[in-house]
Amino acid sequence: MNVDSSILAGMRCFEAAARHLSFTRAAIELNLTQSAVSQQMRQLEGRLGYPLFIRHHRSLVLTEQGLVLYGCATRFLADLEQTLTNLNPPATPLQISCLPSFAMQWLLPRLVDFQRRYPEITVRLKAEFQTVDRPALMSGDIDLAIRYDPVDYAPEFHSEPLFDEYLLPVASPDWLAAHAEFSSAVSMENVTLLHDVAPWIGAPEFIEWRTWFAKAQPDFPYDLEGPQFNLSVLAIAAALNGQGVALGRTALIADEIRSGRLVDIFRKPVTAPARYVLLRRNPGERRTEIFARWLHNECAAFALMQRELFMSPEARPDPGSSESSGRSVRQ
């Protein structure tokens, strides 16, 4: 079979749909509609003469031919990207604006993998709080921004959701052993709550603790007074030092939970009132496309780990979560 323009046109779309096993996620990545992705896949399958996907009601499965073609498409696109990068090296670093706590606890450890895969792309990471708008990105020469807030950035920006976030109280094992009545939901006597006072710019006072108590322990008498910090990582550090209970976000405390340095006290994760989003100044620019694709893969892997670590049968998401609100990924 000749590799004509109709096959080449559909190959990028097929690779994204096969990688996500979702037309919806592929459409978000490619800035297309779900119906456009679905149509391209039907046209490609018609040209090839065999199906690439088995379509279930809420999921996709690659056929045997689709699995073989996916491996070939992945290698082809990776080789093409590497060749184009080598032929046209960037003159300036890829500038990424990210909240300090997320940068330190989640993104920075993973950037080692990105630099290993794409050594020709220099990343300049800027940890900062400022509100993201187009003048700020242009004046700061920011290529991408990662934010955690409830703001709807459309239509000013091309914004992409990264993963859902959940809140859960955490403390050190020693602190927990000395406050058994709190972990048994009996009393808050001598309990110190640790606060991130600015989870996002303009956040209502104590919004995350109020959200968690309202959904997880609505009848529990609580006092919100306690030390306040302007960085989540500082509240987490205070919890690690036995100073009280911090309200952790899974992205910022996963390593401490796995190591045993912090304990998920109640096993009741509550959907956060904000979410992580990626904003791009120039969505079509090649380096930002490479970084965005790598970041989405890292986020998908984290979301799987997030469910395994925090979402046991006894600790399912609350009624406000993506699973119950219909925001889960669908074909």
Protein backbone atom coordinates (compact mmCIF):
# COMPACT_ATOMS: atom_id res chain seq x y z
CA MET A 1 0.00 0.00 0.00
CA ASN A 2 1.28 3.47 -0.94
CA VAL A 3 1.70 5.95 1.90
CA ASP A 4 -0.43 8.75 0.50
CA SER A 5 -1.52 12.08 1.97
CA SER A 6 -4.69 10.66 3.56
CA ILE A 7 -2.65 8.19 5.65
CA LEU A 8 -0.05 10.78 6.67
CA ALA A 9 -2.77 13.28 7.61
CA GLY A 10 -4.37 10.83 10.01
CA MET A 11 -1.21 9.44 11.59
CA ARG A 12 -0.64 12.23 14.15
CA CYS A 13 -4.25 12.05 15.20
CA PHE A 14 -4.09 8.26 15.44
CA GLU A 15 -0.94 8.38 17.61
CA ALA A 16 -2.58 10.74 20.10
CA ALA A 17 -5.83 8.72 20.23
CA ALA A 18 -3.90 5.45 20.66
CA ARG A 19 -1.66 6.91 23.37
CA HIS A 20 -4.60 8.22 25.41
CA LEU A 21 -7.05 5.48 24.35
CA SER A 22 -9.54 8.32 24.16
CA PHE A 23 -10.76 10.50 21.30
CA THR A 24 -11.67 13.19 23.83
CA ARG A 25 -8.16 13.40 25.34
CA ALA A 26 -6.62 13.34 21.85
CA ALA A 27 -8.90 16.19 20.79
CA ILE A 28 -7.83 18.29 23.79
CA GLU A 29 -4.15 17.70 23.04
CA LEU A 30 -4.51 18.50 19.33
CA ASN A 31 -6.89 21.43 19.85
CA LEU A 32 -9.59 19.71 17.77
CA THR A 33 -13.15 18.66 18.47
CA GLN A 34 -13.89 15.10 19.55
CA SER A 35 -16.01 14.60 16.43
CA ALA A 36 -13.12 15.75 14.20
CA VAL A 37 -10.80 13.17 15.77
CA SER A 38 -13.43 10.45 15.45
CA GLN A 39 -13.99 11.36 11.78
CA GLN A 40 -10.26 11.27 11.01
CA MET A 41 -10.03 7.82 12.56
CA ARG A 42 -12.94 6.51 10.51
CA GLN A 43 -11.35 7.90 7.34
CA LEU A 44 -7.98 6.37 8.19
CA GLU A 45 -9.54 2.98 8.95
CA GLY A 46 -11.47 3.16 5.69
CA ARG A 47 -8.29 3.91 3.73
CA LEU A 48 -6.38 1.09 5.45
CA GLY A 49 -9.21 -1.41 5.15
CA TYR A 50 -9.21 -2.62 8.76
CA PRO A 51 -10.22 -1.25 12.19
CA LEU A 52 -7.61 0.30 14.48
CA PHE A 53 -9.82 0.52 17.58
CA ILE A 54 -12.45 -1.55 19.28
CA ARG A 55 -14.97 1.03 20.44
CA HIS A 56 -16.71 0.42 23.74
CA HIS A 57 -19.25 2.75 25.34
CA ARG A 58 -16.71 4.62 27.49
CA SER A 59 -13.33 3.39 26.29
CA LEU A 60 -11.14 2.42 23.36
CA VAL A 61 -9.01 -0.69 22.85
CA LEU A 62 -6.41 -1.04 20.12
CA THR A 63 -6.90 -3.91 17.68
CA GLU A 64 -3.94 -6.14 16.85
CA GLN A 65 -3.26 -4.11 13.71
CA GLY A 66 -3.76 -0.88 15.65
CA LEU A 67 -1.19 -1.91 18.26
CA VAL A 68 1.43 -2.63 15.58
CA LEU A 69 0.70 0.63 13.77
CA TYR A 70 0.86 2.59 17.04
CA GLY A 71 4.39 1.37 17.69
CA CYS A 72 5.42 2.37 14.19
CA ALA A 73 3.72 5.79 14.42
CA THR A 74 5.36 6.53 17.77
CA ARG A 75 8.83 5.78 16.42
CA PHE A 76 8.20 7.73 13.22
CA LEU A 77 6.95 10.87 14.97
CA ALA A 78 9.71 10.75 17.58
CA ASP A 79 12.38 10.45 14.87
CA LEU A 80 10.78 13.27 12.89
CA GLU A 81 10.63 15.56 15.94
CA GLN A 82 14.26 14.82 16.82
CA THR A 83 15.40 15.50 13.27
CA LEU A 84 13.52 18.80 13.06
CA THR A 85 14.89 19.82 16.45
CA ASN A 86 18.44 19.08 15.41
CA LEU A 87 18.02 21.03 12.17
CA ASN A 88 16.52 24.04 13.90
CA PRO A 89 17.83 24.39 17.47
CA PRO A 90 16.02 27.02 19.58
CA ALA A 91 17.79 30.32 20.15
CA THR A 92 16.21 30.98 23.53
CA PRO A 93 15.19 28.82 26.51
CA LEU A 94 11.65 27.52 26.83
CA GLN A 95 10.28 29.67 29.65
CA ILE A 96 7.78 28.05 32.01
CA SER A 97 5.95 29.88 34.81
CA CYS A 98 4.82 27.64 37.66
CA LEU A 99 3.62 28.03 41.23
CA PRO A 100 6.54 27.55 43.67
CA SER A 101 5.17 24.59 45.67
CA PHE A 102 4.09 22.65 42.57
CA ALA A 103 7.42 23.41 40.92
CA MET A 104 9.44 22.16 43.90
CA GLN A 105 7.38 19.12 44.87
CA TRP A 106 6.08 17.84 41.54
CA LEU A 107 7.54 19.36 38.39
CA LEU A 108 11.21 19.79 39.24
CA PRO A 109 11.92 16.10 39.99
CA ARG A 110 10.30 15.13 36.66
CA LEU A 111 12.19 17.66 34.54
CA VAL A 112 15.22 15.37 34.67
CA ASP A 113 13.34 13.00 32.36
CA PHE A 114 12.40 15.81 29.96
CA GLN A 115 16.01 17.01 29.70
CA ARG A 116 17.18 13.44 29.11
CA ARG A 117 14.68 13.01 26.28
CA TYR A 118 15.13 16.46 24.75
CA PRO A 119 18.61 17.72 25.64
CA GLU A 120 18.44 20.26 22.81
CA ILE A 121 15.58 22.16 24.53
CA THR A 122 16.76 24.36 27.39
CA VAL A 123 14.09 24.93 30.04
CA ARG A 124 13.98 28.03 32.21
CA LEU A 125 11.61 27.42 35.14
CA LYS A 126 10.22 30.52 36.85
CA ALA A 127 8.50 29.95 40.21
CA GLU A 128 6.00 32.77 40.65
CA PHE A 129 2.51 33.63 41.86
CA GLN A 130 1.32 36.40 39.57
CA THR A 131 -2.03 36.27 37.83
CA VAL A 132 -1.68 34.95 34.31
CA ASP A 133 -2.95 37.17 31.53
CA ARG A 134 -1.70 37.75 28.02
CA PRO A 135 0.19 40.99 28.79
CA ALA A 136 1.96 39.21 31.70
CA LEU A 137 3.00 36.33 29.47
CA MET A 138 4.15 38.64 26.70
CA SER A 139 6.07 41.00 29.01
CA GLY A 140 7.68 38.09 30.85
CA ASP A 141 8.37 36.19 27.63
CA ILE A 142 6.59 33.16 29.12
CA ASP A 143 5.93 30.26 26.74
CA LEU A 144 3.85 28.11 29.09
CA ALA A 145 2.28 28.56 32.51
CA ILE A 146 1.02 25.98 35.00
CA ARG A 147 -1.54 27.21 37.48
CA TYR A 148 -3.74 25.82 40.26
CA ASP A 149 -6.96 27.82 40.54
CA PRO A 150 -10.67 27.78 39.65
CA VAL A 151 -10.38 30.41 36.88
CA ASP A 152 -11.76 29.76 33.40
CA TYR A 153 -9.04 31.09 31.08
CA ALA A 154 -10.99 30.70 27.84
CA PRO A 155 -11.16 32.38 25.40
CA GLU A 156 -8.02 34.42 26.21
CA PHE A 157 -5.78 31.37 26.37
CA HIS A 158 -5.45 27.89 25.03
CA SER A 159 -5.89 26.12 28.38
CA GLU A 160 -5.65 22.38 29.02
CA PRO A 161 -6.60 20.49 32.21
CA LEU A 162 -3.73 18.46 33.64
CA PHE A 163 -5.26 16.34 36.42
CA ASP A 164 -7.83 16.54 39.20
CA GLU A 165 -6.60 17.40 42.67
CA TYR A 166 -7.78 16.14 46.05
CA LEU A 167 -7.33 17.43 49.60
CA LEU A 168 -6.54 15.30 52.64
CA PRO A 169 -5.30 16.05 56.18
CA VAL A 170 -1.78 14.81 56.85
CA ALA A 171 0.53 14.74 59.84
CA SER A 172 3.73 13.09 60.96
CA PRO A 173 3.49 9.62 62.57
CA ASP A 174 4.79 10.98 65.90
CA TRP A 175 2.23 13.79 65.97
CA LEU A 176 -0.56 11.36 65.12
CA ALA A 177 0.45 8.98 67.88
CA ALA A 178 0.12 11.82 70.38
CA HIS A 179 -3.33 12.91 69.10
CA ALA A 180 -5.28 9.69 68.73
CA GLU A 181 -8.61 11.36 69.54
CA PHE A 182 -8.29 13.57 66.46
CA SER A 183 -7.63 10.66 64.11
CA SER A 184 -10.65 8.92 65.63
CA ALA A 185 -12.74 12.02 64.83
CA VAL A 186 -13.54 12.44 68.53
CA SER A 187 -11.90 15.71 69.52
CA MET A 188 -9.81 18.60 68.23
CA GLU A 189 -8.37 19.41 71.64
CA ASN A 190 -4.74 20.54 71.34
CA VAL A 191 -4.91 20.13 67.55
CA THR A 192 -3.14 22.74 65.42
CA LEU A 193 -4.29 23.21 61.83
CA LEU A 194 -1.65 24.45 59.38
CA HIS A 195 -2.83 26.73 56.57
CA ASP A 196 -1.76 27.66 53.07
CA VAL A 197 -3.36 31.12 53.06
CA ALA A 198 -2.93 31.63 49.31
CA PRO A 199 -3.63 28.43 47.38
CA TRP A 200 -4.41 30.80 44.51
CA ILE A 201 -4.60 34.58 44.18
CA GLY A 202 -7.81 35.87 45.70
CA ALA A 203 -8.73 32.57 47.39
CA PRO A 204 -11.30 32.95 50.23
CA GLU A 205 -9.88 32.58 53.74
CA PHE A 206 -9.27 28.95 54.76
CA ILE A 207 -11.09 27.79 51.59
CA GLU A 208 -9.38 24.40 51.41
CA TRP A 209 -9.90 23.42 55.06
CA ARG A 210 -13.51 24.64 54.88
CA THR A 211 -14.06 22.54 51.76
CA TRP A 212 -12.61 19.42 53.36
CA PHE A 213 -14.59 19.68 56.61
CA ALA A 214 -17.85 20.45 54.76
CA LYS A 215 -17.59 17.32 52.60
CA ALA A 216 -15.67 14.83 54.75
CA GLN A 217 -16.60 15.67 58.37
CA PRO A 218 -19.61 18.04 58.30
CA ASP A 219 -20.62 17.28 61.91
CA PHE A 220 -17.13 17.52 63.38
CA PRO A 221 -16.63 20.62 65.59
CA TYR A 222 -13.54 22.43 64.38
CA ASP A 223 -11.59 25.62 64.95
CA LEU A 224 -9.75 27.00 61.93
CA GLU A 225 -7.22 29.03 63.89
CA GLY A 226 -3.60 28.05 63.35
CA PRO A 227 -0.27 29.05 61.77
CA GLN A 228 -0.55 30.48 58.25
CA PHE A 229 1.96 30.18 55.42
CA ASN A 230 2.11 31.73 51.96
CA LEU A 231 3.40 28.49 50.39
CA SER A 232 1.86 25.03 50.58
CA VAL A 233 5.34 23.55 50.86
CA LEU A 234 5.89 25.50 54.09
CA ALA A 235 2.70 24.12 55.66
CA ILE A 236 3.83 20.62 54.61
CA ALA A 237 7.26 21.22 56.14
CA ALA A 238 5.61 22.28 59.40
CA ALA A 239 3.59 19.04 59.41
CA LEU A 240 6.75 17.03 58.75
CA ASN A 241 8.29 18.74 61.80
CA GLY A 242 5.38 17.67 64.02
CA GLN A 243 3.82 21.11 64.36
CA GLY A 244 0.27 20.07 63.45
CA VAL A 245 -2.01 18.93 60.64
CA ALA A 246 -1.61 20.26 57.10
CA LEU A 247 -4.20 19.92 54.39
CA GLY A 248 -2.20 18.30 51.64
CA ARG A 249 -2.78 18.24 47.91
CA THR A 250 -1.91 14.86 46.46
CA ALA A 251 0.61 16.32 43.99
CA LEU A 252 2.57 17.89 46.85
CA ILE A 253 2.53 15.07 49.42
CA ALA A 254 2.58 11.81 47.43
CA ASP A 255 6.29 11.17 48.05
CA GLU A 256 5.96 11.87 51.79
CA ILE A 257 2.96 9.52 52.05
CA ARG A 258 4.75 6.72 50.20
CA SER A 259 7.86 7.13 52.36
CA GLY A 260 5.83 7.14 55.59
CA ARG A 261 7.04 10.58 56.61
CA LEU A 262 3.44 11.80 56.53
CA VAL A 263 0.24 9.88 57.25
CA ASP A 264 -3.08 10.24 55.41
CA ILE A 265 -5.10 10.53 58.63
CA PHE A 266 -8.69 9.86 57.62
CA ARG A 267 -8.42 8.25 54.15
CA LYS A 268 -11.11 10.67 52.97
CA PRO A 269 -9.85 12.58 49.93
CA VAL A 270 -12.07 15.48 48.94
CA THR A 271 -12.14 17.10 45.53
CA ALA A 272 -10.25 20.40 45.64
CA PRO A 273 -12.05 23.62 44.67
CA ALA A 274 -9.34 24.30 42.07
CA ARG A 275 -7.51 22.30 39.42
CA TYR A 276 -4.20 22.32 37.57
CA VAL A 277 -4.19 23.79 34.07
CA LEU A 278 -1.57 24.34 31.39
CA LEU A 279 -1.65 27.63 29.46
CA ARG A 280 0.24 28.19 26.22
CA ARG A 281 1.11 31.51 24.65
CA ASN A 282 1.64 30.01 21.18
CA PRO A 283 -0.07 26.58 21.03
CA GLY A 284 1.37 25.69 17.62
CA GLU A 285 5.01 26.40 18.49
CA ARG A 286 7.06 23.21 18.21
CA ARG A 287 8.92 23.36 21.54
CA THR A 288 5.77 24.11 23.53
CA GLU A 289 4.03 21.24 21.74
CA ILE A 290 6.85 18.86 22.70
CA PHE A 291 6.78 19.99 26.33
CA ALA A 292 2.98 19.89 26.52
CA ARG A 293 2.86 16.34 25.18
CA TRP A 294 5.55 15.22 27.65
CA LEU A 295 3.73 16.96 30.51
CA HIS A 296 0.38 15.35 29.66
CA ASN A 297 2.05 11.93 29.71
CA GLU A 298 3.57 12.65 33.13
CA CYS A 299 0.21 13.85 34.43
CA ALA A 300 -1.56 10.73 33.14
CA ALA A 301 1.00 8.55 34.92
CA PHE A 302 0.59 10.55 38.13
CA ALA A 303 -3.21 10.27 37.94
CA LEU A 304 -2.88 6.47 37.89
CA MET A 305 -0.54 6.52 40.89
CA GLN A 306 -2.86 9.02 42.59
CA ARG A 307 -5.78 6.59 42.38
CA GLU A 308 -3.71 3.64 43.60
CA LEU A 309 -2.25 5.55 46.55
CA PHE A 310 -5.21 7.62 47.73
CA MET A 311 -8.41 6.12 46.29
CA SER A 312 -8.81 2.84 48.16
CA PRO A 313 -12.33 1.32 48.35
CA GLU A 314 -12.68 2.97 51.75
CA ALA A 315 -11.60 6.36 50.41
CA ARG A 316 -13.50 7.04 47.21
CA PRO A 317 -13.80 10.63 45.94
CA ASP A 318 -16.57 12.71 47.45
CA PRO A 319 -19.76 13.59 45.53
CA GLY A 320 -18.09 16.67 44.07
CA SER A 321 -15.35 14.66 42.36
CA SER A 322 -14.79 14.22 38.62
CA GLU A 323 -15.94 10.60 38.76
CA SER A 324 -19.37 11.55 40.03
CA SER A 325 -19.73 14.83 38.14
CA GLY A 326 -19.20 13.38 34.68
CA ARG A 327 -15.78 14.95 34.10
CA SER A 328 -14.06 11.60 33.65
CA VAL A 329 -12.42 10.95 30.29
CA ARG A 330 -14.75 9.50 27.71
CA GLN A 331 -14.38 8.44 24.12
